[in-house]
Amino acid sequence: ELRDRQVEGERAIYREPDIPEEVQEY
């Protein structure tokens, strides 16, 4: 079960945060 979850996790690609700096500092 843990091996299957690891395989599923390796298939997921996470997107890097791209919030503009001026929005973060608002």
PDB file of all heavy atoms in Angstrom:
ATOM      1  N   GLU A   1       0.830  -1.205   0.000  1.00  0.00           N
ATOM      2  CA  GLU A   1       0.000   0.000   0.000  1.00  0.00           C
ATOM      3  C   GLU A   1       0.865   1.256   0.000  1.00  0.00           C
ATOM      4  O   GLU A   1       0.608   2.212  -0.746  1.00  0.00           O
ATOM      5  CB  GLU A   1      -0.909  -0.011   1.232  1.00  0.00           C
ATOM      6  CG  GLU A   1      -1.799   1.223   1.378  1.00  0.00           C
ATOM      7  CD  GLU A   1      -2.860   1.320   0.314  1.00  0.00           C
ATOM      8  OE1 GLU A   1      -3.173   0.278  -0.308  1.00  0.00           O
ATOM      9  OE2 GLU A   1      -3.372   2.437   0.092  1.00  0.00           O
ATOM     10  N   LEU A   2       1.913   1.274   0.823  1.00  0.00           N
ATOM     11  CA  LEU A   2       2.811   2.434   0.863  1.00  0.00           C
ATOM     12  C   LEU A   2       3.547   2.605  -0.460  1.00  0.00           C
ATOM     13  O   LEU A   2       3.773   3.733  -0.915  1.00  0.00           O
ATOM     14  CB  LEU A   2       3.811   2.269   2.014  1.00  0.00           C
ATOM     15  CG  LEU A   2       3.226   2.330   3.424  1.00  0.00           C
ATOM     16  CD1 LEU A   2       4.305   2.029   4.459  1.00  0.00           C
ATOM     17  CD2 LEU A   2       2.612   3.699   3.694  1.00  0.00           C
ATOM     18  N   ARG A   3       3.932   1.487  -1.071  1.00  0.00           N
ATOM     19  CA  ARG A   3       4.616   1.572  -2.366  1.00  0.00           C
ATOM     20  C   ARG A   3       3.699   2.157  -3.434  1.00  0.00           C
ATOM     21  O   ARG A   3       4.121   3.004  -4.237  1.00  0.00           O
ATOM     22  CB  ARG A   3       5.077   0.177  -2.787  1.00  0.00           C
ATOM     23  CG  ARG A   3       5.869   0.155  -4.097  1.00  0.00           C
ATOM     24  CD  ARG A   3       6.016  -1.250  -4.606  1.00  0.00           C
ATOM     25  NE  ARG A   3       4.696  -1.839  -4.879  1.00  0.00           N
ATOM     26  CZ  ARG A   3       4.505  -3.118  -5.194  1.00  0.00           C
ATOM     27  NH1 ARG A   3       5.532  -3.944  -5.237  1.00  0.00           N
ATOM     28  NH2 ARG A   3       3.291  -3.563  -5.437  1.00  0.00           N
ATOM     29  N   ASP A   4       2.428   1.730  -3.435  1.00  0.00           N
ATOM     30  CA  ASP A   4       1.480   2.268  -4.422  1.00  0.00           C
ATOM     31  C   ASP A   4       1.259   3.760  -4.212  1.00  0.00           C
ATOM     32  O   ASP A   4       1.168   4.530  -5.168  1.00  0.00           O
ATOM     33  CB  ASP A   4       0.148   1.520  -4.322  1.00  0.00           C
ATOM     34  CG  ASP A   4       0.278   0.064  -4.742  1.00  0.00           C
ATOM     35  OD1 ASP A   4       1.266  -0.258  -5.424  1.00  0.00           O
ATOM     36  OD2 ASP A   4      -0.607  -0.747  -4.380  1.00  0.00           O
ATOM     37  N   ARG A   5       1.202   4.182  -2.935  1.00  0.00           N
ATOM     38  CA  ARG A   5       1.025   5.606  -2.671  1.00  0.00           C
ATOM     39  C   ARG A   5       2.244   6.413  -3.114  1.00  0.00           C
ATOM     40  O   ARG A   5       2.124   7.532  -3.600  1.00  0.00           O
ATOM     41  CB  ARG A   5       0.768   5.831  -1.180  1.00  0.00           C
ATOM     42  CG  ARG A   5      -0.560   5.270  -0.702  1.00  0.00           C
ATOM     43  CD  ARG A   5      -0.878   5.718   0.713  1.00  0.00           C
ATOM     44  NE  ARG A   5      -2.153   5.188   1.172  1.00  0.00           N
ATOM     45  CZ  ARG A   5      -2.724   5.517   2.318  1.00  0.00           C
ATOM     46  NH1 ARG A   5      -2.121   6.390   3.130  1.00  0.00           N
ATOM     47  NH2 ARG A   5      -3.887   5.004   2.677  1.00  0.00           N
ATOM     48  N   GLN A   6       3.425   5.828  -2.932  1.00  0.00           N
ATOM     49  CA  GLN A   6       4.633   6.521  -3.374  1.00  0.00           C
ATOM     50  C   GLN A   6       4.640   6.679  -4.882  1.00  0.00           C
ATOM     51  O   GLN A   6       5.018   7.735  -5.410  1.00  0.00           O
ATOM     52  CB  GLN A   6       5.871   5.737  -2.914  1.00  0.00           C
ATOM     53  CG  GLN A   6       7.188   6.394  -3.331  1.00  0.00           C
ATOM     54  CD  GLN A   6       8.390   5.585  -2.902  1.00  0.00           C
ATOM     55  OE1 GLN A   6       8.246   4.512  -2.327  1.00  0.00           O
ATOM     56  NE2 GLN A   6       9.573   6.081  -3.178  1.00  0.00           N
ATOM     57  N   VAL A   7       4.217   5.623  -5.587  1.00  0.00           N
ATOM     58  CA  VAL A   7       4.166   5.701  -7.053  1.00  0.00           C
ATOM     59  C   VAL A   7       3.177   6.777  -7.496  1.00  0.00           C
ATOM     60  O   VAL A   7       3.454   7.564  -8.403  1.00  0.00           O
ATOM     61  CB  VAL A   7       3.780   4.330  -7.641  1.00  0.00           C
ATOM     62  CG1 VAL A   7       3.538   4.452  -9.142  1.00  0.00           C
ATOM     63  CG2 VAL A   7       4.882   3.314  -7.366  1.00  0.00           C
ATOM     64  N   GLU A   8       2.006   6.823  -6.848  1.00  0.00           N
ATOM     65  CA  GLU A   8       1.020   7.846  -7.185  1.00  0.00           C
ATOM     66  C   GLU A   8       1.553   9.247  -6.877  1.00  0.00           C
ATOM     67  O   GLU A   8       1.311  10.198  -7.624  1.00  0.00           O
ATOM     68  CB  GLU A   8      -0.279   7.597  -6.410  1.00  0.00           C
ATOM     69  CG  GLU A   8      -0.999   6.330  -6.835  1.00  0.00           C
ATOM     70  CD  GLU A   8      -2.251   6.081  -6.018  1.00  0.00           C
ATOM     71  OE1 GLU A   8      -2.531   6.919  -5.122  1.00  0.00           O
ATOM     72  OE2 GLU A   8      -2.938   5.070  -6.261  1.00  0.00           O
ATOM     73  N   GLY A   9       2.276   9.370  -5.747  1.00  0.00           N
ATOM     74  CA  GLY A   9       2.836  10.668  -5.394  1.00  0.00           C
ATOM     75  C   GLY A   9       3.882  11.142  -6.385  1.00  0.00           C
ATOM     76  O   GLY A   9       3.994  12.338  -6.677  1.00  0.00           O
ATOM     77  N   GLU A  10       4.672  10.204  -6.938  1.00  0.00           N
ATOM     78  CA  GLU A  10       5.703  10.581  -7.900  1.00  0.00           C
ATOM     79  C   GLU A  10       5.104  11.041  -9.223  1.00  0.00           C
ATOM     80  O   GLU A  10       5.759  11.739  -9.994  1.00  0.00           O
ATOM     81  CB  GLU A  10       6.640   9.403  -8.132  1.00  0.00           C
ATOM     82  CG  GLU A  10       7.496   9.065  -6.913  1.00  0.00           C
ATOM     83  CD  GLU A  10       8.326   7.809  -7.119  1.00  0.00           C
ATOM     84  OE1 GLU A  10       8.083   7.116  -8.147  1.00  0.00           O
ATOM     85  OE2 GLU A  10       9.195   7.519  -6.279  1.00  0.00           O
ATOM     86  N   ARG A  11       3.862  10.658  -9.473  1.00  0.00           N
ATOM     87  CA  ARG A  11       3.205  11.083 -10.715  1.00  0.00           C
ATOM     88  C   ARG A  11       2.641  12.495 -10.623  1.00  0.00           C
ATOM     89  O   ARG A  11       2.322  13.104 -11.635  1.00  0.00           O
ATOM     90  CB  ARG A  11       2.081  10.111 -11.055  1.00  0.00           C
ATOM     91  CG  ARG A  11       2.562   8.700 -11.393  1.00  0.00           C
ATOM     92  CD  ARG A  11       1.373   7.769 -11.599  1.00  0.00           C
ATOM     93  NE  ARG A  11       1.808   6.410 -11.899  1.00  0.00           N
ATOM     94  CZ  ARG A  11       0.973   5.375 -11.981  1.00  0.00           C
ATOM     95  NH1 ARG A  11      -0.336   5.562 -11.783  1.00  0.00           N
ATOM     96  NH2 ARG A  11       1.440   4.169 -12.247  1.00  0.00           N
ATOM     97  N   ALA A  12       2.509  13.004  -9.395  1.00  0.00           N
ATOM     98  CA  ALA A  12       1.931  14.343  -9.209  1.00  0.00           C
ATOM     99  C   ALA A  12       3.018  15.401  -9.370  1.00  0.00           C
ATOM    100  O   ALA A  12       4.131  15.273  -8.848  1.00  0.00           O
ATOM    101  CB  ALA A  12       1.296  14.456  -7.824  1.00  0.00           C
ATOM    102  N   ILE A  13       2.701  16.421 -10.098  1.00  0.00           N
ATOM    103  CA  ILE A  13       3.622  17.530 -10.326  1.00  0.00           C
ATOM    104  C   ILE A  13       2.988  18.783  -9.728  1.00  0.00           C
ATOM    105  O   ILE A  13       1.865  19.157 -10.079  1.00  0.00           O
ATOM    106  CB  ILE A  13       3.887  17.734 -11.832  1.00  0.00           C
ATOM    107  CG1 ILE A  13       4.498  16.460 -12.429  1.00  0.00           C
ATOM    108  CG2 ILE A  13       4.812  18.934 -12.055  1.00  0.00           C
ATOM    109  CD1 ILE A  13       4.723  16.538 -13.921  1.00  0.00           C
ATOM    110  N   TYR A  14       3.711  19.403  -8.829  1.00  0.00           N
ATOM    111  CA  TYR A  14       3.182  20.571  -8.137  1.00  0.00           C
ATOM    112  C   TYR A  14       3.702  21.847  -8.789  1.00  0.00           C
ATOM    113  O   TYR A  14       4.871  21.943  -9.164  1.00  0.00           O
ATOM    114  CB  TYR A  14       3.576  20.531  -6.656  1.00  0.00           C
ATOM    115  CG  TYR A  14       2.997  19.347  -5.931  1.00  0.00           C
ATOM    116  CD1 TYR A  14       3.733  18.171  -5.803  1.00  0.00           C
ATOM    117  CD2 TYR A  14       1.715  19.392  -5.405  1.00  0.00           C
ATOM    118  CE1 TYR A  14       3.195  17.070  -5.139  1.00  0.00           C
ATOM    119  CE2 TYR A  14       1.181  18.303  -4.742  1.00  0.00           C
ATOM    120  CZ  TYR A  14       1.918  17.141  -4.619  1.00  0.00           C
ATOM    121  OH  TYR A  14       1.391  16.059  -3.972  1.00  0.00           O
ATOM    122  N   ARG A  15       2.836  22.788  -8.874  1.00  0.00           N
ATOM    123  CA  ARG A  15       3.164  24.048  -9.518  1.00  0.00           C
ATOM    124  C   ARG A  15       3.823  25.000  -8.525  1.00  0.00           C
ATOM    125  O   ARG A  15       3.403  25.109  -7.379  1.00  0.00           O
ATOM    126  CB  ARG A  15       1.873  24.670 -10.059  1.00  0.00           C
ATOM    127  CG  ARG A  15       2.034  26.038 -10.653  1.00  0.00           C
ATOM    128  CD  ARG A  15       0.685  26.550 -11.129  1.00  0.00           C
ATOM    129  NE  ARG A  15       0.768  27.910 -11.609  1.00  0.00           N
ATOM    130  CZ  ARG A  15      -0.263  28.614 -12.043  1.00  0.00           C
ATOM    131  NH1 ARG A  15      -1.452  28.051 -12.068  1.00  0.00           N
ATOM    132  NH2 ARG A  15      -0.114  29.842 -12.458  1.00  0.00           N
ATOM    133  N   GLU A  16       4.885  25.630  -8.980  1.00  0.00           N
ATOM    134  CA  GLU A  16       5.564  26.611  -8.146  1.00  0.00           C
ATOM    135  C   GLU A  16       4.688  27.856  -7.992  1.00  0.00           C
ATOM    136  O   GLU A  16       3.981  28.254  -8.929  1.00  0.00           O
ATOM    137  CB  GLU A  16       6.903  27.009  -8.782  1.00  0.00           C
ATOM    138  CG  GLU A  16       7.929  25.886  -8.817  1.00  0.00           C
ATOM    139  CD  GLU A  16       8.396  25.494  -7.438  1.00  0.00           C
ATOM    140  OE1 GLU A  16       8.336  26.350  -6.535  1.00  0.00           O
ATOM    141  OE2 GLU A  16       8.805  24.329  -7.263  1.00  0.00           O
ATOM    142  N   PRO A  17       4.689  28.483  -6.800  1.00  0.00           N
ATOM    143  CA  PRO A  17       3.887  29.704  -6.614  1.00  0.00           C
ATOM    144  C   PRO A  17       4.368  30.827  -7.536  1.00  0.00           C
ATOM    145  O   PRO A  17       5.566  31.067  -7.660  1.00  0.00           O
ATOM    146  CB  PRO A  17       4.125  30.048  -5.141  1.00  0.00           C
ATOM    147  CG  PRO A  17       5.402  29.361  -4.777  1.00  0.00           C
ATOM    148  CD  PRO A  17       5.459  28.118  -5.600  1.00  0.00           C
ATOM    149  N   ASP A  18       3.421  31.463  -8.179  1.00  0.00           N
ATOM    150  CA  ASP A  18       3.779  32.547  -9.107  1.00  0.00           C
ATOM    151  C   ASP A  18       2.963  33.813  -8.809  1.00  0.00           C
ATOM    152  O   ASP A  18       2.597  34.552  -9.723  1.00  0.00           O
ATOM    153  CB  ASP A  18       3.561  32.107 -10.550  1.00  0.00           C
ATOM    154  CG  ASP A  18       2.137  31.620 -10.800  1.00  0.00           C
ATOM    155  OD1 ASP A  18       1.353  31.548  -9.828  1.00  0.00           O
ATOM    156  OD2 ASP A  18       1.806  31.317 -11.965  1.00  0.00           O
ATOM    157  N   ILE A  19       2.662  34.039  -7.536  1.00  0.00           N
ATOM    158  CA  ILE A  19       1.920  35.240  -7.152  1.00  0.00           C
ATOM    159  C   ILE A  19       2.834  36.451  -7.310  1.00  0.00           C
ATOM    160  O   ILE A  19       3.960  36.438  -6.820  1.00  0.00           O
ATOM    161  CB  ILE A  19       1.428  35.132  -5.706  1.00  0.00           C
ATOM    162  CG1 ILE A  19       0.551  33.876  -5.542  1.00  0.00           C
ATOM    163  CG2 ILE A  19       0.671  36.372  -5.290  1.00  0.00           C
ATOM    164  CD1 ILE A  19       0.097  33.638  -4.132  1.00  0.00           C
ATOM    165  N   PRO A  20       2.402  37.471  -7.991  1.00  0.00           N
ATOM    166  CA  PRO A  20       3.235  38.665  -8.167  1.00  0.00           C
ATOM    167  C   PRO A  20       3.659  39.257  -6.827  1.00  0.00           C
ATOM    168  O   PRO A  20       2.929  39.192  -5.838  1.00  0.00           O
ATOM    169  CB  PRO A  20       2.312  39.629  -8.939  1.00  0.00           C
ATOM    170  CG  PRO A  20       1.312  38.733  -9.610  1.00  0.00           C
ATOM    171  CD  PRO A  20       1.114  37.568  -8.689  1.00  0.00           C
ATOM    172  N   GLU A  21       4.848  39.820  -6.789  1.00  0.00           N
ATOM    173  CA  GLU A  21       5.396  40.356  -5.546  1.00  0.00           C
ATOM    174  C   GLU A  21       4.542  41.484  -5.003  1.00  0.00           C
ATOM    175  O   GLU A  21       4.350  41.609  -3.790  1.00  0.00           O
ATOM    176  CB  GLU A  21       6.825  40.847  -5.805  1.00  0.00           C
ATOM    177  CG  GLU A  21       7.565  41.261  -4.560  1.00  0.00           C
ATOM    178  CD  GLU A  21       9.014  41.586  -4.837  1.00  0.00           C
ATOM    179  OE1 GLU A  21       9.549  41.068  -5.831  1.00  0.00           O
ATOM    180  OE2 GLU A  21       9.595  42.360  -4.065  1.00  0.00           O
ATOM    181  N   GLU A  22       3.982  42.305  -5.901  1.00  0.00           N
ATOM    182  CA  GLU A  22       3.169  43.418  -5.425  1.00  0.00           C
ATOM    183  C   GLU A  22       1.868  42.937  -4.782  1.00  0.00           C
ATOM    184  O   GLU A  22       1.327  43.579  -3.887  1.00  0.00           O
ATOM    185  CB  GLU A  22       2.850  44.378  -6.573  1.00  0.00           C
ATOM    186  CG  GLU A  22       2.169  43.743  -7.789  1.00  0.00           C
ATOM    187  CD  GLU A  22       3.173  43.197  -8.789  1.00  0.00           C
ATOM    188  OE1 GLU A  22       4.351  43.088  -8.427  1.00  0.00           O
ATOM    189  OE2 GLU A  22       2.771  42.897  -9.926  1.00  0.00           O
ATOM    190  N   VAL A  23       1.375  41.768  -5.233  1.00  0.00           N
ATOM    191  CA  VAL A  23       0.168  41.208  -4.617  1.00  0.00           C
ATOM    192  C   VAL A  23       0.484  40.666  -3.232  1.00  0.00           C
ATOM    193  O   VAL A  23      -0.287  40.837  -2.282  1.00  0.00           O
ATOM    194  CB  VAL A  23      -0.421  40.103  -5.513  1.00  0.00           C
ATOM    195  CG1 VAL A  23      -1.608  39.427  -4.822  1.00  0.00           C
ATOM    196  CG2 VAL A  23      -0.857  40.690  -6.848  1.00  0.00           C
ATOM    197  N   GLN A  24       1.644  40.008  -3.081  1.00  0.00           N
ATOM    198  CA  GLN A  24       2.028  39.479  -1.782  1.00  0.00           C
ATOM    199  C   GLN A  24       2.241  40.585  -0.760  1.00  0.00           C
ATOM    200  O   GLN A  24       1.961  40.416   0.425  1.00  0.00           O
ATOM    201  CB  GLN A  24       3.313  38.647  -1.919  1.00  0.00           C
ATOM    202  CG  GLN A  24       3.137  37.381  -2.734  1.00  0.00           C
ATOM    203  CD  GLN A  24       4.415  36.577  -2.807  1.00  0.00           C
ATOM    204  OE1 GLN A  24       5.462  36.991  -2.336  1.00  0.00           O
ATOM    205  NE2 GLN A  24       4.338  35.396  -3.404  1.00  0.00           N
ATOM    206  N   GLU A  25       2.746  41.717  -1.199  1.00  0.00           N
ATOM    207  CA  GLU A  25       3.044  42.806  -0.277  1.00  0.00           C
ATOM    208  C   GLU A  25       1.852  43.715  -0.030  1.00  0.00           C
ATOM    209  O   GLU A  25       1.930  44.650   0.763  1.00  0.00           O
ATOM    210  CB  GLU A  25       4.203  43.637  -0.833  1.00  0.00           C
ATOM    211  CG  GLU A  25       5.509  42.856  -0.946  1.00  0.00           C
ATOM    212  CD  GLU A  25       6.629  43.681  -1.546  1.00  0.00           C
ATOM    213  OE1 GLU A  25       6.332  44.825  -2.006  1.00  0.00           O
ATOM    214  OE2 GLU A  25       7.776  43.211  -1.561  1.00  0.00           O
ATOM    215  N   TYR A  26       0.724  43.433  -0.693  1.00  0.00           N
ATOM    216  CA  TYR A  26      -0.451  44.299  -0.544  1.00  0.00           C
ATOM    217  C   TYR A  26      -1.035  44.181   0.857  1.00  0.00           C
ATOM    218  O   TYR A  26      -1.194  43.081   1.397  1.00  0.00           O
ATOM    219  CB  TYR A  26      -1.515  43.921  -1.574  1.00  0.00           C
ATOM    220  CG  TYR A  26      -2.830  44.646  -1.372  1.00  0.00           C
ATOM    221  CD1 TYR A  26      -2.979  45.986  -1.750  1.00  0.00           C
ATOM    222  CD2 TYR A  26      -3.918  43.992  -0.798  1.00  0.00           C
ATOM    223  CE1 TYR A  26      -4.180  46.648  -1.564  1.00  0.00           C
ATOM    224  CE2 TYR A  26      -5.128  44.637  -0.611  1.00  0.00           C
ATOM    225  CZ  TYR A  26      -5.248  45.973  -0.994  1.00  0.00           C
ATOM    226  OH  TYR A  26      -6.434  46.617  -0.793  1.00  0.00           O
TER     227      TYR A  26
END
